[in-house]
């Protein structure tokens, strides 16, 4: 309740309203006993517990990945262990309770073998990665541009390589944008004062295509099919079929473009001016065209 991590929310009411994924996203649940209670409750109903994995004792006061770049800049860092420790604990609780567990925005190479082993043991575990963690690393923060201030932070190039490999392998099931808009006045400050998070919806498909280059079937699996399965969205992530729901996107994997301006009211992204390969040409929701790149039209 209140994302404080001390009391369970009214899970019955949320379940009755249709909620199927439960998370304190942005705040890790520190109390293992409380998390166990939530897992047991959600497991009985078949829902998902999703975790922003970050040990606050290790990460408190940090603004970027703890490593060579943070040392050079003199900025306090968040170690990879802060993520790995929480995921390891949560997987033990998932084994105890039998809950479906989802690891949000994985950023550390050390988390990947934990998820791989849990899946091999038959635990109902899924994991996601963001587009920006597949493209950028902590070296980009040498510019001190707040557009590179992520949560979890951009980590080392070795972490990026591991995340790409895990997405190809399927150990990481899905890509999630972790879309976090901020107004211009919030980001026109120093790196340490800036809020964490960037927008990612309009560049997500292109960023993944540029960074990883998945075969078409795997690309749509990680971007659409698996996310819909995890969330239980029956009308999304389905193959095109006569009589099926017309929730579609048209994607050209060979179209190169450089983002300059976004339909989003916020422009806080490191992808401005960054050449990408692959572009969404149109989106269709329930049979209606909601975005058409050729006409530069977006219908809200």
Protein backbone atom coordinates (compact mmCIF):
# COMPACT_ATOMS: atom_id res chain seq x y z
CA UNK A 1 0.00 0.00 0.00
CA UNK A 2 1.38 3.39 -1.04
CA UNK A 3 4.48 1.61 -2.43
CA UNK A 4 5.93 1.85 1.09
CA UNK A 5 6.36 -1.90 1.45
CA UNK A 6 4.83 -2.22 4.90
CA UNK A 7 1.21 -3.28 4.30
CA UNK A 8 -0.55 -5.25 1.56
CA UNK A 9 -2.85 -3.30 -0.71
CA UNK A 10 -6.49 -4.32 -1.18
CA UNK A 11 -5.56 -7.14 -3.55
CA UNK A 12 -9.10 -8.56 -3.54
CA UNK A 13 -10.54 -5.30 -4.85
CA UNK A 14 -7.85 -4.97 -7.52
CA UNK A 15 -8.32 -8.57 -8.64
CA UNK A 16 -12.07 -8.01 -8.92
CA UNK A 17 -11.38 -4.92 -11.03
CA UNK A 18 -9.32 -7.00 -13.47
CA UNK A 19 -5.76 -6.46 -12.27
CA UNK A 20 -3.56 -9.48 -13.01
CA UNK A 21 -0.01 -8.11 -12.56
CA UNK A 22 0.96 -6.69 -9.16
CA UNK A 23 4.05 -4.56 -8.65
CA UNK A 24 5.50 -1.68 -6.64
CA UNK A 25 7.40 -0.74 -9.82
CA UNK A 26 10.05 1.84 -9.02
CA UNK A 27 10.20 0.63 -5.41
CA UNK A 28 11.58 -2.78 -4.52
CA UNK A 29 9.74 -4.69 -1.78
CA UNK A 30 12.32 -5.00 0.99
CA UNK A 31 10.27 -7.07 3.45
CA UNK A 32 10.59 -10.71 2.36
CA UNK A 33 7.80 -11.81 4.69
CA UNK A 34 5.36 -9.28 3.25
CA UNK A 35 6.36 -10.21 -0.29
CA UNK A 36 5.78 -13.87 0.53
CA UNK A 37 2.23 -13.08 1.67
CA UNK A 38 1.56 -11.19 -1.57
CA UNK A 39 3.02 -14.05 -3.61
CA UNK A 40 0.88 -16.65 -1.82
CA UNK A 41 -2.28 -14.60 -2.37
CA UNK A 42 -1.56 -13.93 -6.04
CA UNK A 43 -0.41 -17.52 -6.67
CA UNK A 44 -3.80 -18.85 -5.53
CA UNK A 45 -5.49 -16.76 -8.20
CA UNK A 46 -2.99 -17.28 -11.02
CA UNK A 47 -1.72 -13.71 -11.19
CA UNK A 48 1.81 -12.34 -11.57
CA UNK A 49 4.12 -10.64 -9.08
CA UNK A 50 6.48 -8.26 -10.91
CA UNK A 51 9.49 -6.76 -9.19
CA UNK A 52 11.68 -3.73 -9.67
CA UNK A 53 14.72 -5.51 -8.24
CA UNK A 54 16.94 -3.15 -6.30
CA UNK A 55 18.37 -3.49 -2.80
CA UNK A 56 17.91 -0.01 -1.38
CA UNK A 57 20.69 -0.43 1.15
CA UNK A 58 23.19 -0.91 -1.66
CA UNK A 59 21.76 1.64 -4.08
CA UNK A 60 20.80 4.49 -1.76
CA UNK A 61 22.12 7.81 -3.06
CA UNK A 62 23.27 6.37 -6.38
CA UNK A 63 22.74 8.06 -9.74
CA UNK A 64 24.40 5.71 -12.24
CA UNK A 65 26.08 2.31 -12.53
CA UNK A 66 28.86 1.73 -10.02
CA UNK A 67 31.97 1.18 -12.11
CA UNK A 68 34.89 2.84 -13.85
CA UNK A 69 32.82 5.72 -15.26
CA UNK A 70 31.19 6.61 -11.94
CA UNK A 71 34.66 6.65 -10.40
CA UNK A 72 35.97 8.96 -13.11
CA UNK A 73 33.03 11.33 -12.73
CA UNK A 74 32.95 11.19 -8.93
CA UNK A 75 29.26 10.23 -8.94
CA UNK A 76 27.91 7.72 -6.45
CA UNK A 77 26.89 4.51 -8.19
CA UNK A 78 24.36 1.68 -7.95
CA UNK A 79 26.16 -1.70 -8.03
CA UNK A 80 24.89 -4.58 -10.15
CA UNK A 81 24.69 -6.63 -6.96
CA UNK A 82 21.73 -4.48 -5.85
CA UNK A 83 19.66 -6.07 -8.62
CA UNK A 84 21.10 -9.57 -8.44
CA UNK A 85 20.58 -9.97 -4.67
CA UNK A 86 16.88 -9.08 -4.88
CA UNK A 87 16.26 -11.36 -7.88
CA UNK A 88 18.00 -14.26 -6.10
CA UNK A 89 15.85 -13.72 -2.99
CA UNK A 90 12.65 -13.39 -5.04
CA UNK A 91 13.35 -16.58 -6.97
CA UNK A 92 13.69 -18.42 -3.65
CA UNK A 93 10.30 -17.03 -2.61
CA UNK A 94 8.81 -17.94 -5.98
CA UNK A 95 10.02 -21.50 -5.44
CA UNK A 96 8.41 -21.48 -1.98
CA UNK A 97 5.05 -20.06 -3.09
CA UNK A 98 4.68 -21.29 -6.68
CA UNK A 99 3.78 -17.79 -7.90
CA UNK A 100 4.30 -16.54 -11.44
CA UNK A 101 7.19 -14.10 -11.06
CA UNK A 102 8.32 -11.44 -13.53
CA UNK A 103 11.68 -9.65 -13.30
CA UNK A 104 11.28 -6.12 -14.59
CA UNK A 105 13.87 -4.22 -16.66
CA UNK A 106 16.82 -6.57 -16.13
CA UNK A 107 20.07 -4.61 -16.45
CA UNK A 108 22.83 -6.81 -15.03
CA UNK A 109 24.61 -9.73 -16.68
CA UNK A 110 24.64 -11.45 -13.28
CA UNK A 111 20.85 -11.65 -13.22
CA UNK A 112 20.68 -13.72 -16.40
CA UNK A 113 22.10 -17.03 -15.05
CA UNK A 114 19.73 -16.73 -12.07
CA UNK A 115 16.71 -16.51 -14.39
CA UNK A 116 18.06 -19.24 -16.66
CA UNK A 117 18.57 -21.65 -13.76
CA UNK A 118 15.12 -20.91 -12.30
CA UNK A 119 13.48 -21.64 -15.64
CA UNK A 120 15.46 -24.87 -15.99
CA UNK A 121 14.14 -25.90 -12.55
CA UNK A 122 10.59 -25.42 -13.75
CA UNK A 123 9.76 -22.19 -11.91
CA UNK A 124 7.21 -19.97 -13.62
CA UNK A 125 9.60 -17.11 -14.27
CA UNK A 126 9.66 -14.44 -16.97
CA UNK A 127 11.92 -11.43 -17.47
CA UNK A 128 12.08 -8.28 -19.55
CA UNK A 129 14.69 -5.85 -20.83
CA UNK A 130 14.30 -2.27 -22.03
CA UNK A 131 15.39 -1.01 -25.47
CA UNK A 132 17.79 1.53 -23.96
CA UNK A 133 19.61 -1.15 -21.95
CA UNK A 134 20.19 -3.00 -25.24
CA UNK A 135 21.70 0.04 -26.97
CA UNK A 136 23.56 2.28 -24.52
CA UNK A 137 26.08 1.72 -21.71
CA UNK A 138 27.54 3.77 -18.87
CA UNK A 139 30.22 5.27 -21.14
CA UNK A 140 27.50 7.47 -22.64
CA UNK A 141 27.11 9.18 -19.25
CA UNK A 142 30.53 10.82 -19.70
CA UNK A 143 28.55 13.52 -21.54
CA UNK A 144 26.56 14.13 -18.31
CA UNK A 145 23.44 14.43 -20.46
CA UNK A 146 20.39 13.68 -18.24
CA UNK A 147 18.86 11.81 -21.20
CA UNK A 148 21.10 8.89 -20.18
CA UNK A 149 19.88 8.76 -16.57
CA UNK A 150 17.98 5.47 -16.37
CA UNK A 151 16.46 3.45 -13.57
CA UNK A 152 17.95 0.86 -13.33
CA UNK A 153 21.08 2.58 -14.66
CA UNK A 154 22.90 1.96 -17.90
CA UNK A 155 25.60 -0.58 -17.09
CA UNK A 156 28.85 -1.76 -18.69
CA UNK A 157 29.21 -2.88 -22.31
CA UNK A 158 29.64 -6.47 -21.07
CA UNK A 159 26.19 -6.24 -19.48
CA UNK A 160 24.73 -4.94 -22.75
CA UNK A 161 26.25 -7.86 -24.67
CA UNK A 162 24.83 -10.35 -22.14
CA UNK A 163 21.36 -8.78 -22.31
CA UNK A 164 21.36 -8.98 -26.10
CA UNK A 165 22.39 -12.62 -25.97
CA UNK A 166 19.75 -13.46 -23.37
CA UNK A 167 17.04 -11.85 -25.51
CA UNK A 168 18.12 -13.91 -28.51
CA UNK A 169 18.26 -17.06 -26.39
CA UNK A 170 14.84 -16.40 -24.89
CA UNK A 171 16.06 -16.34 -21.30
CA UNK A 172 14.75 -12.79 -21.35
CA UNK A 173 11.21 -13.20 -22.63
CA UNK A 174 10.11 -9.72 -23.56
CA UNK A 175 11.00 -6.12 -24.28
CA UNK A 176 9.25 -3.44 -22.22
CA UNK A 177 9.77 0.26 -22.90
CA UNK A 178 9.73 1.39 -19.25
CA UNK A 179 8.30 4.60 -20.76
CA UNK A 180 8.95 7.45 -18.29
CA UNK A 181 8.05 10.92 -19.60
CA UNK A 182 9.40 14.07 -17.96
CA UNK A 183 8.79 17.70 -18.85
CA UNK A 184 11.60 19.88 -20.19
CA UNK A 185 11.98 21.94 -17.02
CA UNK A 186 12.56 18.75 -15.01
CA UNK A 187 15.44 17.60 -17.22
CA UNK A 188 17.17 20.97 -17.77
CA UNK A 189 19.26 20.45 -14.65
CA UNK A 190 22.52 18.73 -13.73
CA UNK A 191 22.80 14.97 -14.17
CA UNK A 192 22.58 14.28 -10.44
CA UNK A 193 19.53 16.51 -10.02
CA UNK A 194 17.66 15.09 -13.01
CA UNK A 195 14.81 12.58 -12.63
CA UNK A 196 15.42 9.01 -13.70
CA UNK A 197 13.81 7.46 -16.76
CA UNK A 198 13.24 8.17 -20.44
CA UNK A 199 10.47 7.81 -23.00
CA UNK A 200 10.78 4.75 -25.20
CA UNK A 201 7.50 3.86 -26.88
CA UNK A 202 8.06 5.41 -30.32
CA UNK A 203 11.62 4.09 -30.73
CA UNK A 204 11.28 0.67 -29.06
CA UNK A 205 10.85 -1.53 -32.13
CA UNK A 206 13.55 0.29 -34.07
CA UNK A 207 15.98 0.23 -31.15
CA UNK A 208 15.60 -3.52 -30.66
CA UNK A 209 15.90 -4.16 -34.39
CA UNK A 210 19.05 -2.00 -34.55
CA UNK A 211 20.73 -3.46 -31.47
CA UNK A 212 19.87 -7.15 -31.78
CA UNK A 213 18.60 -7.89 -35.28
CA UNK A 214 16.30 -10.77 -34.31
CA UNK A 215 14.69 -12.98 -36.96
CA UNK A 216 11.17 -11.72 -37.73
CA UNK A 217 9.39 -14.46 -35.77
CA UNK A 218 11.55 -13.92 -32.66
CA UNK A 219 11.27 -10.15 -33.00
CA UNK A 220 7.48 -10.20 -32.85
CA UNK A 221 7.59 -12.85 -30.12
CA UNK A 222 9.69 -10.66 -27.80
CA UNK A 223 7.94 -7.40 -28.70
CA UNK A 224 4.33 -8.57 -28.80
CA UNK A 225 3.49 -12.25 -28.29
CA UNK A 226 5.29 -12.81 -24.97
CA UNK A 227 4.27 -9.44 -23.43
CA UNK A 228 0.63 -10.24 -24.22
CA UNK A 229 1.01 -13.73 -22.72
CA UNK A 230 2.57 -12.38 -19.52
CA UNK A 231 -0.19 -9.78 -19.12
CA UNK A 232 -2.97 -12.14 -20.17
CA UNK A 233 -4.11 -9.87 -23.01
CA UNK A 234 -6.03 -12.28 -25.22
CA UNK A 235 -6.74 -9.78 -28.01
CA UNK A 236 -3.09 -8.83 -28.49
CA UNK A 237 0.03 -10.68 -29.60
CA UNK A 238 -1.93 -12.95 -31.92
CA UNK A 239 -1.13 -14.02 -35.49
CA UNK A 240 -3.05 -12.28 -38.24
CA UNK A 241 -6.18 -14.32 -38.94
CA UNK A 242 -9.51 -13.85 -40.63
CA UNK A 243 -12.06 -12.84 -38.02
CA UNK A 244 -9.35 -12.22 -35.44
CA UNK A 245 -8.86 -8.91 -33.60
CA UNK A 246 -7.36 -6.22 -35.84
CA UNK A 247 -4.74 -5.04 -33.34
CA UNK A 248 -1.74 -4.78 -35.65
CA UNK A 249 1.42 -2.91 -36.48
CA UNK A 250 3.24 -2.59 -39.79
CA UNK A 251 7.02 -2.63 -39.43
CA UNK A 252 9.73 -2.13 -42.06
CA UNK A 253 12.95 -3.69 -40.65
CA UNK A 254 15.15 -2.10 -43.34
CA UNK A 255 13.93 1.51 -43.13
CA UNK A 256 16.61 3.79 -41.65
CA UNK A 257 15.63 7.00 -39.85
CA UNK A 258 16.86 9.45 -37.25
CA UNK A 259 14.37 10.56 -34.57
CA UNK A 260 14.06 14.33 -34.22
CA UNK A 261 10.62 14.95 -32.75
CA UNK A 262 8.11 12.70 -31.02
CA UNK A 263 4.34 12.52 -30.82
CA UNK A 264 4.78 12.24 -27.06
CA UNK A 265 4.43 15.49 -25.14
CA UNK A 266 7.81 14.66 -23.60
CA UNK A 267 11.11 14.57 -25.46
CA UNK A 268 13.40 13.09 -22.79
CA UNK A 269 15.23 10.40 -24.73
CA UNK A 270 18.80 9.61 -25.81
CA UNK A 271 17.53 8.47 -29.21
CA UNK A 272 17.12 12.01 -30.60
CA UNK A 273 19.69 12.27 -33.40
CA UNK A 274 20.56 8.56 -33.11
CA UNK A 275 20.25 6.69 -36.42
CA UNK A 276 18.00 3.65 -36.17
CA UNK A 277 17.23 0.80 -38.54
CA UNK A 278 13.62 -0.32 -38.77
CA UNK A 279 10.49 1.78 -38.47
CA UNK A 280 6.88 1.31 -37.49
CA UNK A 281 4.87 2.52 -40.46
CA UNK A 282 1.42 2.19 -38.94
CA UNK A 283 -0.46 0.97 -35.89
CA UNK A 284 -4.01 -0.35 -35.96
CA UNK A 285 -6.20 -0.75 -32.87
CA UNK A 286 -9.52 -2.60 -33.09
CA UNK A 287 -9.51 -2.06 -36.84
CA UNK A 288 -8.82 1.68 -36.75
CA UNK A 289 -5.55 3.26 -37.90
CA UNK A 290 -4.15 5.03 -34.83
CA UNK A 291 -0.80 6.05 -36.30
CA UNK A 292 0.42 6.41 -39.88
CA UNK A 293 4.05 7.42 -40.35
CA UNK A 294 3.50 8.15 -44.04
CA UNK A 295 0.97 10.84 -43.13
CA UNK A 296 2.72 11.79 -39.86
CA UNK A 297 -0.61 11.36 -38.13
CA UNK A 298 -1.20 10.05 -34.63
CA UNK A 299 -4.73 9.75 -33.27
CA UNK A 300 -5.04 9.82 -29.48
